């Protein structure tokens, strides 16, 4: 009988430990996702409209994203930082792939996944395209060369 009691105590302790671990990881993930989503929403208000970007003669960074995309949310702080540094000479445009009005642009730029970053020179020719997460240094180097 005492062995059974010890077994139940160990089982309860193990279940409690796992529950605490899972809850802690989930909370951190949720906070990170919420922060990234908030940053993405703020960026959509700060960036330039697609039509204006194509009309002003400056190079353009287009981010194709989705609100539900956790990789897009993770990339948001990097893009915000780059926007602050380069927005005086490079257009930053955000296109939500879930909005049907962007279907022609999704086809034109052959969007195959999100996040997708497409870089255009001042004549609107595609210079480079990245799909997925990428290091800030890689993107900054390409922006410097636009």
Foldseek 3Di string as FASTA:
>chain_A
DVVVVVVVVVVVVVVVVVVVVVVVVVVVLVVLLVQLLVLVVVVQVVFDEPVVQLPPLAKEKEWEAASVDSQSSVCSVLVVVVCVVCVVGYGYHYHYPVDVVCVVVCVVVVDDAPGKIWIAGSNRDTPDIDHTDDDSVVVVVVSVVD
